[in-house]
Amino acid sequence: MSPLLPINTSGALPAMGGGTTPAPPDPPPANALRDWSQETYGLDTSVAVSLNFAIGQVSTSCTRRVLVFDSSRSRDVEADGHTYRFGVVLRVVVEVDGLKGNGSLTLPVVAAKVDLDG
């Protein structure tokens, strides 16, 4: 596997074999980044627990949704037998959490119910 080049390289870098590798070419201008890529995906998770007792019941649930949006522009430049990729990426990550709980009390004389929403 060839080593990754740092983004801010201005001179030659040593190769794995002890020699030097040529400096990467100058990056293309922003209006020359012609390869576009866009991705959107999401992940949903949920957990629920319910406990029943002789005098009541308690239950709770937790949900999480993660939405990811990626947009990038890039261009591959070939120089000295190597391919260099220059570009920019925008990534937006949104996390939404929800917690719900409720419980009820059942006694022969007293009855109560509680709902929590968060």
PDB file of N, CA and C in Angstrom:
ATOM      1  N   MET A   1       0.847  -1.172   0.000  1.00  0.00           N
ATOM      2  CA  MET A   1       0.000   0.000   0.000  1.00  0.00           C
ATOM      3  C   MET A   1       0.890   1.232   0.000  1.00  0.00           C
ATOM      4  N   SER A   2       0.628   2.162  -0.889  1.00  0.00           N
ATOM      5  CA  SER A   2       1.450   3.367  -0.973  1.00  0.00           C
ATOM      6  C   SER A   2       1.052   4.346   0.125  1.00  0.00           C
ATOM      7  N   PRO A   3       1.992   5.152   0.623  1.00  0.00           N
ATOM      8  CA  PRO A   3       1.681   6.096   1.702  1.00  0.00           C
ATOM      9  C   PRO A   3       0.798   7.225   1.187  1.00  0.00           C
ATOM     10  N   LEU A   4      -0.035   7.764   2.085  1.00  0.00           N
ATOM     11  CA  LEU A   4      -0.880   8.904   1.745  1.00  0.00           C
ATOM     12  C   LEU A   4      -0.069  10.179   1.831  1.00  0.00           C
ATOM     13  N   LEU A   5      -0.288  11.092   0.917  1.00  0.00           N
ATOM     14  CA  LEU A   5       0.426  12.359   0.915  1.00  0.00           C
ATOM     15  C   LEU A   5      -0.324  13.393   1.743  1.00  0.00           C
ATOM     16  N   PRO A   6       0.391  14.196   2.535  1.00  0.00           N
ATOM     17  CA  PRO A   6      -0.283  15.255   3.283  1.00  0.00           C
ATOM     18  C   PRO A   6      -0.889  16.284   2.337  1.00  0.00           C
ATOM     19  N   ILE A   7      -1.911  16.974   2.807  1.00  0.00           N
ATOM     20  CA  ILE A   7      -2.607  17.957   1.977  1.00  0.00           C
ATOM     21  C   ILE A   7      -1.723  19.155   1.695  1.00  0.00           C
ATOM     22  N   ASN A   8      -0.912  19.580   2.649  1.00  0.00           N
ATOM     23  CA  ASN A   8      -0.143  20.818   2.500  1.00  0.00           C
ATOM     24  C   ASN A   8       1.304  20.574   2.090  1.00  0.00           C
ATOM     25  N   THR A   9       1.569  19.578   1.278  1.00  0.00           N
ATOM     26  CA  THR A   9       2.930  19.269   0.857  1.00  0.00           C
ATOM     27  C   THR A   9       3.394  20.269  -0.193  1.00  0.00           C
ATOM     28  N   SER A  10       4.612  20.802  -0.009  1.00  0.00           N
ATOM     29  CA  SER A  10       5.147  21.715  -1.020  1.00  0.00           C
ATOM     30  C   SER A  10       6.463  21.198  -1.600  1.00  0.00           C
ATOM     31  N   GLY A  11       7.019  20.136  -1.035  1.00  0.00           N
ATOM     32  CA  GLY A  11       8.284  19.593  -1.528  1.00  0.00           C
ATOM     33  C   GLY A  11       8.181  18.105  -1.707  1.00  0.00           C
ATOM     34  N   ALA A  12       9.321  17.471  -1.952  1.00  0.00           N
ATOM     35  CA  ALA A  12       9.350  16.026  -2.155  1.00  0.00           C
ATOM     36  C   ALA A  12       9.242  15.307  -0.817  1.00  0.00           C
ATOM     37  N   LEU A  13       8.605  14.150  -0.835  1.00  0.00           N
ATOM     38  CA  LEU A  13       8.433  13.330   0.364  1.00  0.00           C
ATOM     39  C   LEU A  13       9.275  12.073   0.234  1.00  0.00           C
ATOM     40  N   PRO A  14       9.827  11.550   1.341  1.00  0.00           N
ATOM     41  CA  PRO A  14      10.582  10.303   1.245  1.00  0.00           C
ATOM     42  C   PRO A  14       9.644   9.136   0.962  1.00  0.00           C
ATOM     43  N   ALA A  15      10.074   8.244   0.090  1.00  0.00           N
ATOM     44  CA  ALA A  15       9.277   7.061  -0.228  1.00  0.00           C
ATOM     45  C   ALA A  15       9.577   5.968   0.788  1.00  0.00           C
ATOM     46  N   MET A  16       8.804   4.895   0.759  1.00  0.00           N
ATOM     47  CA  MET A  16       9.008   3.802   1.706  1.00  0.00           C
ATOM     48  C   MET A  16      10.361   3.144   1.497  1.00  0.00           C
ATOM     49  N   GLY A  17      10.884   3.143   0.282  1.00  0.00           N
ATOM     50  CA  GLY A  17      12.162   2.501   0.005  1.00  0.00           C
ATOM     51  C   GLY A  17      13.350   3.381   0.342  1.00  0.00           C
ATOM     52  N   GLY A  18      13.128   4.585   0.880  1.00  0.00           N
ATOM     53  CA  GLY A  18      14.222   5.463   1.256  1.00  0.00           C
ATOM     54  C   GLY A  18      14.510   6.538   0.222  1.00  0.00           C
ATOM     55  N   GLY A  19      13.971   6.424  -0.986  1.00  0.00           N
ATOM     56  CA  GLY A  19      14.173   7.442  -2.014  1.00  0.00           C
ATOM     57  C   GLY A  19      13.208   8.601  -1.827  1.00  0.00           C
ATOM     58  N   THR A  20      13.071   9.382  -2.848  1.00  0.00           N
ATOM     59  CA  THR A  20      12.121  10.498  -2.794  1.00  0.00           C
ATOM     60  C   THR A  20      11.062  10.300  -3.859  1.00  0.00           C
ATOM     61  N   THR A  21       9.880  10.791  -3.582  1.00  0.00           N
ATOM     62  CA  THR A  21       8.804  10.783  -4.559  1.00  0.00           C
ATOM     63  C   THR A  21       8.634  12.198  -5.081  1.00  0.00           C
ATOM     64  N   PRO A  22       8.180  12.335  -6.298  1.00  0.00           N
ATOM     65  CA  PRO A  22       8.018  13.677  -6.843  1.00  0.00           C
ATOM     66  C   PRO A  22       6.926  14.438  -6.097  1.00  0.00           C
ATOM     67  N   ALA A  23       7.035  15.768  -6.107  1.00  0.00           N
ATOM     68  CA  ALA A  23       6.024  16.605  -5.464  1.00  0.00           C
ATOM     69  C   ALA A  23       4.714  16.468  -6.224  1.00  0.00           C
ATOM     70  N   PRO A  24       3.582  16.501  -5.504  1.00  0.00           N
ATOM     71  CA  PRO A  24       2.296  16.406  -6.201  1.00  0.00           C
ATOM     72  C   PRO A  24       2.069  17.644  -7.067  1.00  0.00           C
ATOM     73  N   PRO A  25       1.253  17.518  -8.099  1.00  0.00           N
ATOM     74  CA  PRO A  25       0.993  18.661  -8.968  1.00  0.00           C
ATOM     75  C   PRO A  25       0.182  19.731  -8.240  1.00  0.00           C
ATOM     76  N   ASP A  26       0.146  20.913  -8.825  1.00  0.00           N
ATOM     77  CA  ASP A  26      -0.677  21.982  -8.255  1.00  0.00           C
ATOM     78  C   ASP A  26      -2.145  21.598  -8.368  1.00  0.00           C
ATOM     79  N   PRO A  27      -2.950  21.950  -7.344  1.00  0.00           N
ATOM     80  CA  PRO A  27      -4.378  21.607  -7.406  1.00  0.00           C
ATOM     81  C   PRO A  27      -5.091  22.417  -8.486  1.00  0.00           C
ATOM     82  N   PRO A  28      -6.119  21.829  -9.086  1.00  0.00           N
ATOM     83  CA  PRO A  28      -6.878  22.557 -10.095  1.00  0.00           C
ATOM     84  C   PRO A  28      -7.740  23.641  -9.433  1.00  0.00           C
ATOM     85  N   PRO A  29      -8.151  24.666 -10.192  1.00  0.00           N
ATOM     86  CA  PRO A  29      -9.033  25.685  -9.623  1.00  0.00           C
ATOM     87  C   PRO A  29     -10.399  25.083  -9.278  1.00  0.00           C
ATOM     88  N   ALA A  30     -11.150  25.771  -8.431  1.00  0.00           N
ATOM     89  CA  ALA A  30     -12.447  25.260  -7.963  1.00  0.00           C
ATOM     90  C   ALA A  30     -13.419  25.015  -9.113  1.00  0.00           C
ATOM     91  N   ASN A  31     -13.398  25.854 -10.133  1.00  0.00           N
ATOM     92  CA  ASN A  31     -14.351  25.661 -11.233  1.00  0.00           C
ATOM     93  C   ASN A  31     -13.973  24.478 -12.126  1.00  0.00           C
ATOM     94  N   ALA A  32     -12.816  23.851 -11.917  1.00  0.00           N
ATOM     95  CA  ALA A  32     -12.410  22.674 -12.695  1.00  0.00           C
ATOM     96  C   ALA A  32     -12.744  21.362 -11.986  1.00  0.00           C
ATOM     97  N   LEU A  33     -13.324  21.421 -10.793  1.00  0.00           N
ATOM     98  CA  LEU A  33     -13.719  20.197 -10.075  1.00  0.00           C
ATOM     99  C   LEU A  33     -15.013  19.691 -10.713  1.00  0.00           C
ATOM    100  N   ARG A  34     -14.903  18.728 -11.613  1.00  0.00           N
ATOM    101  CA  ARG A  34     -16.039  18.349 -12.438  1.00  0.00           C
ATOM    102  C   ARG A  34     -16.761  17.084 -11.980  1.00  0.00           C
ATOM    103  N   ASP A  35     -16.173  16.297 -11.098  1.00  0.00           N
ATOM    104  CA  ASP A  35     -16.816  15.064 -10.633  1.00  0.00           C
ATOM    105  C   ASP A  35     -17.627  15.359  -9.380  1.00  0.00           C
ATOM    106  N   TRP A  36     -18.947  15.225  -9.487  1.00  0.00           N
ATOM    107  CA  TRP A  36     -19.849  15.487  -8.367  1.00  0.00           C
ATOM    108  C   TRP A  36     -20.329  14.174  -7.775  1.00  0.00           C
ATOM    109  N   SER A  37     -20.507  14.153  -6.474  1.00  0.00           N
ATOM    110  CA  SER A  37     -21.050  12.984  -5.790  1.00  0.00           C
ATOM    111  C   SER A  37     -21.947  13.466  -4.662  1.00  0.00           C
ATOM    112  N   GLN A  38     -23.086  12.804  -4.500  1.00  0.00           N
ATOM    113  CA  GLN A  38     -24.012  13.177  -3.433  1.00  0.00           C
ATOM    114  C   GLN A  38     -24.622  11.906  -2.857  1.00  0.00           C
ATOM    115  N   GLU A  39     -24.678  11.824  -1.526  1.00  0.00           N
ATOM    116  CA  GLU A  39     -25.208  10.650  -0.838  1.00  0.00           C
ATOM    117  C   GLU A  39     -26.058  11.094   0.335  1.00  0.00           C
ATOM    118  N   THR A  40     -27.137  10.379   0.563  1.00  0.00           N
ATOM    119  CA  THR A  40     -27.979  10.618   1.730  1.00  0.00           C
ATOM    120  C   THR A  40     -28.361   9.256   2.302  1.00  0.00           C
ATOM    121  N   TYR A  41     -28.194   9.095   3.595  1.00  0.00           N
ATOM    122  CA  TYR A  41     -28.599   7.844   4.222  1.00  0.00           C
ATOM    123  C   TYR A  41     -28.962   8.107   5.680  1.00  0.00           C
ATOM    124  N   GLY A  42     -29.679   7.154   6.276  1.00  0.00           N
ATOM    125  CA  GLY A  42     -30.135   7.301   7.654  1.00  0.00           C
ATOM    126  C   GLY A  42     -30.049   5.988   8.407  1.00  0.00           C
ATOM    127  N   LEU A  43     -30.035   6.103   9.716  1.00  0.00           N
ATOM    128  CA  LEU A  43     -29.975   4.945  10.603  1.00  0.00           C
ATOM    129  C   LEU A  43     -30.994   5.163  11.715  1.00  0.00           C
ATOM    130  N   ASP A  44     -31.874   4.193  11.911  1.00  0.00           N
ATOM    131  CA  ASP A  44     -32.886   4.262  12.971  1.00  0.00           C
ATOM    132  C   ASP A  44     -32.637   3.148  13.973  1.00  0.00           C
ATOM    133  N   THR A  45     -32.667   3.495  15.260  1.00  0.00           N
ATOM    134  CA  THR A  45     -32.555   2.495  16.319  1.00  0.00           C
ATOM    135  C   THR A  45     -33.641   2.771  17.358  1.00  0.00           C
ATOM    136  N   SER A  46     -34.102   1.722  18.011  1.00  0.00           N
ATOM    137  CA  SER A  46     -35.089   1.897  19.075  1.00  0.00           C
ATOM    138  C   SER A  46     -34.949   0.773  20.096  1.00  0.00           C
ATOM    139  N   VAL A  47     -35.258   1.119  21.337  1.00  0.00           N
ATOM    140  CA  VAL A  47     -35.216   0.171  22.454  1.00  0.00           C
ATOM    141  C   VAL A  47     -36.458   0.411  23.297  1.00  0.00           C
ATOM    142  N   ALA A  48     -37.107  -0.661  23.726  1.00  0.00           N
ATOM    143  CA  ALA A  48     -38.298  -0.532  24.561  1.00  0.00           C
ATOM    144  C   ALA A  48     -38.240  -1.552  25.689  1.00  0.00           C
ATOM    145  N   VAL A  49     -38.708  -1.132  26.867  1.00  0.00           N
ATOM    146  CA  VAL A  49     -38.744  -2.005  28.039  1.00  0.00           C
ATOM    147  C   VAL A  49     -40.099  -1.832  28.712  1.00  0.00           C
ATOM    148  N   SER A  50     -40.692  -2.945  29.123  1.00  0.00           N
ATOM    149  CA  SER A  50     -41.969  -2.905  29.834  1.00  0.00           C
ATOM    150  C   SER A  50     -41.884  -3.851  31.026  1.00  0.00           C
ATOM    151  N   LEU A  51     -42.214  -3.340  32.204  1.00  0.00           N
ATOM    152  CA  LEU A  51     -42.200  -4.137  33.434  1.00  0.00           C
ATOM    153  C   LEU A  51     -43.595  -4.124  34.043  1.00  0.00           C
ATOM    154  N   ASN A  52     -44.097  -5.315  34.390  1.00  0.00           N
ATOM    155  CA  ASN A  52     -45.412  -5.436  35.012  1.00  0.00           C
ATOM    156  C   ASN A  52     -45.247  -5.982  36.422  1.00  0.00           C
ATOM    157  N   PHE A  53     -45.894  -5.319  37.360  1.00  0.00           N
ATOM    158  CA  PHE A  53     -45.886  -5.738  38.759  1.00  0.00           C
ATOM    159  C   PHE A  53     -47.324  -5.968  39.194  1.00  0.00           C
ATOM    160  N   ALA A  54     -47.490  -6.534  40.377  1.00  0.00           N
ATOM    161  CA  ALA A  54     -48.838  -6.790  40.897  1.00  0.00           C
ATOM    162  C   ALA A  54     -49.587  -5.483  41.155  1.00  0.00           C
ATOM    163  N   ILE A  55     -48.860  -4.411  41.496  1.00  0.00           N
ATOM    164  CA  ILE A  55     -49.555  -3.155  41.815  1.00  0.00           C
ATOM    165  C   ILE A  55     -49.430  -2.110  40.707  1.00  0.00           C
ATOM    166  N   GLY A  56     -48.776  -2.425  39.614  1.00  0.00           N
ATOM    167  CA  GLY A  56     -48.659  -1.425  38.552  1.00  0.00           C
ATOM    168  C   GLY A  56     -47.821  -1.905  37.379  1.00  0.00           C
ATOM    169  N   GLN A  57     -47.624  -0.980  36.464  1.00  0.00           N
ATOM    170  CA  GLN A  57     -46.894  -1.266  35.236  1.00  0.00           C
ATOM    171  C   GLN A  57     -46.062  -0.043  34.881  1.00  0.00           C
ATOM    172  N   VAL A  58     -44.821  -0.291  34.398  1.00  0.00           N
ATOM    173  CA  VAL A  58     -43.919   0.781  33.967  1.00  0.00           C
ATOM    174  C   VAL A  58     -43.342   0.391  32.615  1.00  0.00           C
ATOM    175  N   SER A  59     -43.310   1.341  31.686  1.00  0.00           N
ATOM    176  CA  SER A  59     -42.692   1.064  30.393  1.00  0.00           C
ATOM    177  C   SER A  59     -41.983   2.317  29.899  1.00  0.00           C
ATOM    178  N   THR A  60     -40.941   2.112  29.126  1.00  0.00           N
ATOM    179  CA  THR A  60     -40.181   3.218  28.552  1.00  0.00           C
ATOM    180  C   THR A  60     -39.649   2.798  27.188  1.00  0.00           C
ATOM    181  N   SER A  61     -39.431   3.778  26.333  1.00  0.00           N
ATOM    182  CA  SER A  61     -38.848   3.497  25.023  1.00  0.00           C
ATOM    183  C   SER A  61     -37.921   4.648  24.642  1.00  0.00           C
ATOM    184  N   CYS A  62     -36.878   4.309  23.931  1.00  0.00           N
ATOM    185  CA  CYS A  62     -35.888   5.284  23.492  1.00  0.00           C
ATOM    186  C   CYS A  62     -35.650   5.073  22.000  1.00  0.00           C
ATOM    187  N   THR A  63     -35.678   6.150  21.228  1.00  0.00           N
ATOM    188  CA  THR A  63     -35.431   6.064  19.799  1.00  0.00           C
ATOM    189  C   THR A  63     -34.333   7.042  19.405  1.00  0.00           C
ATOM    190  N   ARG A  64     -33.585   6.698  18.375  1.00  0.00           N
ATOM    191  CA  ARG A  64     -32.546   7.586  17.843  1.00  0.00           C
ATOM    192  C   ARG A  64     -32.545   7.452  16.326  1.00  0.00           C
ATOM    193  N   ARG A  65     -32.493   8.595  15.667  1.00  0.00           N
ATOM    194  CA  ARG A  65     -32.404   8.618  14.205  1.00  0.00           C
ATOM    195  C   ARG A  65     -31.222   9.480  13.819  1.00  0.00           C
ATOM    196  N   VAL A  66     -30.353   8.943  12.971  1.00  0.00           N
ATOM    197  CA  VAL A  66     -29.178   9.660  12.486  1.00  0.00           C
ATOM    198  C   VAL A  66     -29.317   9.807  10.971  1.00  0.00           C
ATOM    199  N   LEU A  67     -29.286  11.052  10.502  1.00  0.00           N
ATOM    200  CA  LEU A  67     -29.362  11.342   9.071  1.00  0.00           C
ATOM    201  C   LEU A  67     -28.030  11.922   8.624  1.00  0.00           C
ATOM    202  N   VAL A  68     -27.501  11.434   7.508  1.00  0.00           N
ATOM    203  CA  VAL A  68     -26.213  11.886   6.992  1.00  0.00           C
ATOM    204  C   VAL A  68     -26.398  12.315   5.535  1.00  0.00           C
ATOM    205  N   PHE A  69     -25.864  13.495   5.217  1.00  0.00           N
ATOM    206  CA  PHE A  69     -25.896  14.021   3.850  1.00  0.00           C
ATOM    207  C   PHE A  69     -24.468  14.367   3.458  1.00  0.00           C
ATOM    208  N   ASP A  70     -23.988  13.791   2.363  1.00  0.00           N
ATOM    209  CA  ASP A  70     -22.645  14.052   1.837  1.00  0.00           C
ATOM    210  C   ASP A  70     -22.761  14.651   0.441  1.00  0.00           C
ATOM    211  N   SER A  71     -21.974  15.670   0.190  1.00  0.00           N
ATOM    212  CA  SER A  71     -21.883  16.246  -1.140  1.00  0.00           C
ATOM    213  C   SER A  71     -20.418  16.579  -1.394  1.00  0.00           C
ATOM    214  N   SER A  72     -19.891  16.168  -2.563  1.00  0.00           N
ATOM    215  CA  SER A  72     -18.476  16.412  -2.839  1.00  0.00           C
ATOM    216  C   SER A  72     -18.260  16.747  -4.312  1.00  0.00           C
ATOM    217  N   ARG A  73     -17.186  17.483  -4.542  1.00  0.00           N
ATOM    218  CA  ARG A  73     -16.704  17.789  -5.887  1.00  0.00           C
ATOM    219  C   ARG A  73     -15.225  17.433  -5.914  1.00  0.00           C
ATOM    220  N   SER A  74     -14.784  16.787  -6.980  1.00  0.00           N
ATOM    221  CA  SER A  74     -13.377  16.400  -7.039  1.00  0.00           C
ATOM    222  C   SER A  74     -12.917  16.298  -8.484  1.00  0.00           C
ATOM    223  N   ARG A  75     -11.618  16.151  -8.621  1.00  0.00           N
ATOM    224  CA  ARG A  75     -11.013  15.931  -9.929  1.00  0.00           C
ATOM    225  C   ARG A  75      -9.737  15.135  -9.737  1.00  0.00           C
ATOM    226  N   ASP A  76      -9.536  14.137 -10.570  1.00  0.00           N
ATOM    227  CA  ASP A  76      -8.312  13.340 -10.548  1.00  0.00           C
ATOM    228  C   ASP A  76      -7.302  13.953 -11.513  1.00  0.00           C
ATOM    229  N   VAL A  77      -6.067  14.107 -11.049  1.00  0.00           N
ATOM    230  CA  VAL A  77      -4.990  14.654 -11.870  1.00  0.00           C
ATOM    231  C   VAL A  77      -3.884  13.607 -11.918  1.00  0.00           C
ATOM    232  N   GLU A  78      -3.461  13.249 -13.122  1.00  0.00           N
ATOM    233  CA  GLU A  78      -2.386  12.276 -13.290  1.00  0.00           C
ATOM    234  C   GLU A  78      -1.080  13.004 -13.565  1.00  0.00           C
ATOM    235  N   ALA A  79      -0.042  12.631 -12.810  1.00  0.00           N
ATOM    236  CA  ALA A  79       1.284  13.232 -12.993  1.00  0.00           C
ATOM    237  C   ALA A  79       2.331  12.223 -12.546  1.00  0.00           C
ATOM    238  N   ASP A  80       3.384  12.063 -13.321  1.00  0.00           N
ATOM    239  CA  ASP A  80       4.506  11.181 -12.987  1.00  0.00           C
ATOM    240  C   ASP A  80       4.056   9.749 -12.688  1.00  0.00           C
ATOM    241  N   GLY A  81       3.053   9.260 -13.390  1.00  0.00           N
ATOM    242  CA  GLY A  81       2.593   7.894 -13.186  1.00  0.00           C
ATOM    243  C   GLY A  81       1.729   7.706 -11.953  1.00  0.00           C
ATOM    244  N   HIS A  82       1.366   8.775 -11.257  1.00  0.00           N
ATOM    245  CA  HIS A  82       0.503   8.716 -10.073  1.00  0.00           C
ATOM    246  C   HIS A  82      -0.799   9.443 -10.367  1.00  0.00           C
ATOM    247  N   THR A  83      -1.847   9.058  -9.669  1.00  0.00           N
ATOM    248  CA  THR A  83      -3.129   9.750  -9.775  1.00  0.00           C
ATOM    249  C   THR A  83      -3.396  10.459  -8.454  1.00  0.00           C
ATOM    250  N   TYR A  84      -3.645  11.763  -8.518  1.00  0.00           N
ATOM    251  CA  TYR A  84      -3.925  12.581  -7.343  1.00  0.00           C
ATOM    252  C   TYR A  84      -5.375  13.052  -7.423  1.00  0.00           C
ATOM    253  N   ARG A  85      -6.088  12.981  -6.303  1.00  0.00           N
ATOM    254  CA  ARG A  85      -7.478  13.445  -6.256  1.00  0.00           C
ATOM    255  C   ARG A  85      -7.550  14.705  -5.408  1.00  0.00           C
ATOM    256  N   PHE A  86      -8.048  15.764  -6.018  1.00  0.00           N
ATOM    257  CA  PHE A  86      -8.232  17.043  -5.330  1.00  0.00           C
ATOM    258  C   PHE A  86      -9.733  17.308  -5.244  1.00  0.00           C
ATOM    259  N   GLY A  87     -10.183  17.897  -4.146  1.00  0.00           N
ATOM    260  CA  GLY A  87     -11.603  18.192  -4.040  1.00  0.00           C
ATOM    261  C   GLY A  87     -12.008  18.721  -2.689  1.00  0.00           C
ATOM    262  N   VAL A  88     -13.315  18.905  -2.562  1.00  0.00           N
ATOM    263  CA  VAL A  88     -13.921  19.391  -1.320  1.00  0.00           C
ATOM    264  C   VAL A  88     -15.120  18.509  -0.984  1.00  0.00           C
ATOM    265  N   VAL A  89     -15.432  18.412   0.309  1.00  0.00           N
ATOM    266  CA  VAL A  89     -16.551  17.601   0.781  1.00  0.00           C
ATOM    267  C   VAL A  89     -17.325  18.380   1.820  1.00  0.00           C
ATOM    268  N   LEU A  90     -18.644  18.271   1.772  1.00  0.00           N
ATOM    269  CA  LEU A  90     -19.529  18.821   2.797  1.00  0.00           C
ATOM    270  C   LEU A  90     -20.307  17.658   3.380  1.00  0.00           C
ATOM    271  N   ARG A  91     -20.234  17.480   4.699  1.00  0.00           N
ATOM    272  CA  ARG A  91     -20.969  16.405   5.364  1.00  0.00           C
ATOM    273  C   ARG A  91     -21.812  17.010   6.489  1.00  0.00           C
ATOM    274  N   VAL A  92     -23.098  16.690   6.477  1.00  0.00           N
ATOM    275  CA  VAL A  92     -24.023  17.147   7.511  1.00  0.00           C
ATOM    276  C   VAL A  92     -24.550  15.906   8.225  1.00  0.00           C
ATOM    277  N   VAL A  93     -24.432  15.901   9.554  1.00  0.00           N
ATOM    278  CA  VAL A  93     -24.931  14.792  10.371  1.00  0.00           C
ATOM    279  C   VAL A  93     -25.949  15.363  11.356  1.00  0.00           C
ATOM    280  N   VAL A  94     -27.168  14.808  11.336  1.00  0.00           N
ATOM    281  CA  VAL A  94     -28.237  15.249  12.235  1.00  0.00           C
ATOM    282  C   VAL A  94     -28.660  14.056  13.084  1.00  0.00           C
ATOM    283  N   GLU A  95     -28.647  14.243  14.410  1.00  0.00           N
ATOM    284  CA  GLU A  95     -29.091  13.197  15.330  1.00  0.00           C
ATOM    285  C   GLU A  95     -30.344  13.666  16.047  1.00  0.00           C
ATOM    286  N   VAL A  96     -31.374  12.817  16.069  1.00  0.00           N
ATOM    287  CA  VAL A  96     -32.626  13.124  16.756  1.00  0.00           C
ATOM    288  C   VAL A  96     -32.869  12.006  17.762  1.00  0.00           C
ATOM    289  N   ASP A  97     -32.994  12.382  19.044  1.00  0.00           N
ATOM    290  CA  ASP A  97     -33.237  11.413  20.109  1.00  0.00           C
ATOM    291  C   ASP A  97     -34.630  11.630  20.688  1.00  0.00           C
ATOM    292  N   GLY A  98     -35.279  10.550  21.053  1.00  0.00           N
ATOM    293  CA  GLY A  98     -36.592  10.628  21.691  1.00  0.00           C
ATOM    294  C   GLY A  98     -36.671   9.646  22.847  1.00  0.00           C
ATOM    295  N   LEU A  99     -37.329  10.071  23.927  1.00  0.00           N
ATOM    296  CA  LEU A  99     -37.503   9.225  25.102  1.00  0.00           C
ATOM    297  C   LEU A  99     -38.947   9.331  25.558  1.00  0.00           C
ATOM    298  N   LYS A 100     -39.603   8.204  25.687  1.00  0.00           N
ATOM    299  CA  LYS A 100     -40.986   8.172  26.150  1.00  0.00           C
ATOM    300  C   LYS A 100     -41.080   7.200  27.313  1.00  0.00           C
ATOM    301  N   GLY A 101     -41.888   7.548  28.274  1.00  0.00           N
ATOM    302  CA  GLY A 101     -42.098   6.664  29.405  1.00  0.00           C
ATOM    303  C   GLY A 101     -43.514   6.803  29.925  1.00  0.00           C
ATOM    304  N   ASN A 102     -44.048   5.736  30.494  1.00  0.00           N
ATOM    305  CA  ASN A 102     -45.348   5.810  31.139  1.00  0.00           C
ATOM    306  C   ASN A 102     -45.425   4.743  32.217  1.00  0.00           C
ATOM    307  N   GLY A 103     -46.335   4.958  33.099  1.00  0.00           N
ATOM    308  CA  GLY A 103     -46.526   4.018  34.187  1.00  0.00           C
ATOM    309  C   GLY A 103     -47.944   4.110  34.702  1.00  0.00           C
ATOM    310  N   SER A 104     -48.399   3.055  35.315  1.00  0.00           N
ATOM    311  CA  SER A 104     -49.736   3.061  35.900  1.00  0.00           C
ATOM    312  C   SER A 104     -49.713   2.302  37.221  1.00  0.00           C
ATOM    313  N   LEU A 105     -50.557   2.751  38.125  1.00  0.00           N
ATOM    314  CA  LEU A 105     -50.662   2.166  39.453  1.00  0.00           C
ATOM    315  C   LEU A 105     -52.066   1.609  39.598  1.00  0.00           C
ATOM    316  N   THR A 106     -52.164   0.340  39.928  1.00  0.00           N
ATOM    317  CA  THR A 106     -53.481  -0.290  40.059  1.00  0.00           C
ATOM    318  C   THR A 106     -53.622  -0.868  41.456  1.00  0.00           C
ATOM    319  N   LEU A 107     -54.296  -0.152  42.321  1.00  0.00           N
ATOM    320  CA  LEU A 107     -54.633  -0.609  43.666  1.00  0.00           C
ATOM    321  C   LEU A 107     -56.156  -0.717  43.748  1.00  0.00           C
ATOM    322  N   PRO A 108     -56.677  -1.552  44.626  1.00  0.00           N
ATOM    323  CA  PRO A 108     -58.131  -1.701  44.704  1.00  0.00           C
ATOM    324  C   PRO A 108     -58.846  -0.375  45.013  1.00  0.00           C
ATOM    325  N   VAL A 109     -58.196   0.524  45.768  1.00  0.00           N
ATOM    326  CA  VAL A 109     -58.863   1.756  46.181  1.00  0.00           C
ATOM    327  C   VAL A 109     -58.412   2.940  45.330  1.00  0.00           C
ATOM    328  N   VAL A 110     -57.122   2.990  44.940  1.00  0.00           N
ATOM    329  CA  VAL A 110     -56.553   4.122  44.227  1.00  0.00           C
ATOM    330  C   VAL A 110     -56.050   3.660  42.855  1.00  0.00           C
ATOM    331  N   ALA A 111     -56.350   4.428  41.843  1.00  0.00           N
ATOM    332  CA  ALA A 111     -55.820   4.143  40.505  1.00  0.00           C
ATOM    333  C   ALA A 111     -55.211   5.426  39.963  1.00  0.00           C
ATOM    334  N   ALA A 112     -54.008   5.331  39.389  1.00  0.00           N
ATOM    335  CA  ALA A 112     -53.318   6.516  38.850  1.00  0.00           C
ATOM    336  C   ALA A 112     -52.573   6.108  37.605  1.00  0.00           C
ATOM    337  N   LYS A 113     -52.373   7.085  36.735  1.00  0.00           N
ATOM    338  CA  LYS A 113     -51.621   6.835  35.513  1.00  0.00           C
ATOM    339  C   LYS A 113     -50.768   8.064  35.222  1.00  0.00           C
ATOM    340  N   VAL A 114     -49.518   7.808  34.799  1.00  0.00           N
ATOM    341  CA  VAL A 114     -48.592   8.893  34.491  1.00  0.00           C
ATOM    342  C   VAL A 114     -48.022   8.655  33.101  1.00  0.00           C
ATOM    343  N   ASP A 115     -47.977   9.698  32.278  1.00  0.00           N
ATOM    344  CA  ASP A 115     -47.355   9.640  30.951  1.00  0.00           C
ATOM    345  C   ASP A 115     -46.286  10.711  30.863  1.00  0.00           C
ATOM    346  N   LEU A 116     -45.084  10.318  30.437  1.00  0.00           N
ATOM    347  CA  LEU A 116     -43.974  11.254  30.247  1.00  0.00           C
ATOM    348  C   LEU A 116     -43.567  11.213  28.788  1.00  0.00           C
ATOM    349  N   ASP A 117     -43.359  12.375  28.213  1.00  0.00           N
ATOM    350  CA  ASP A 117     -42.950  12.468  26.809  1.00  0.00           C
ATOM    351  C   ASP A 117     -41.802  13.437  26.744  1.00  0.00           C
ATOM    352  N   GLY A 118     -40.646  13.014  26.198  1.00  0.00           N
ATOM    353  CA  GLY A 118     -39.509  13.912  26.176  1.00  0.00           C
ATOM    354  C   GLY A 118     -38.865  13.995  24.846  1.00  0.00           C
TER     355      GLY A 118
END
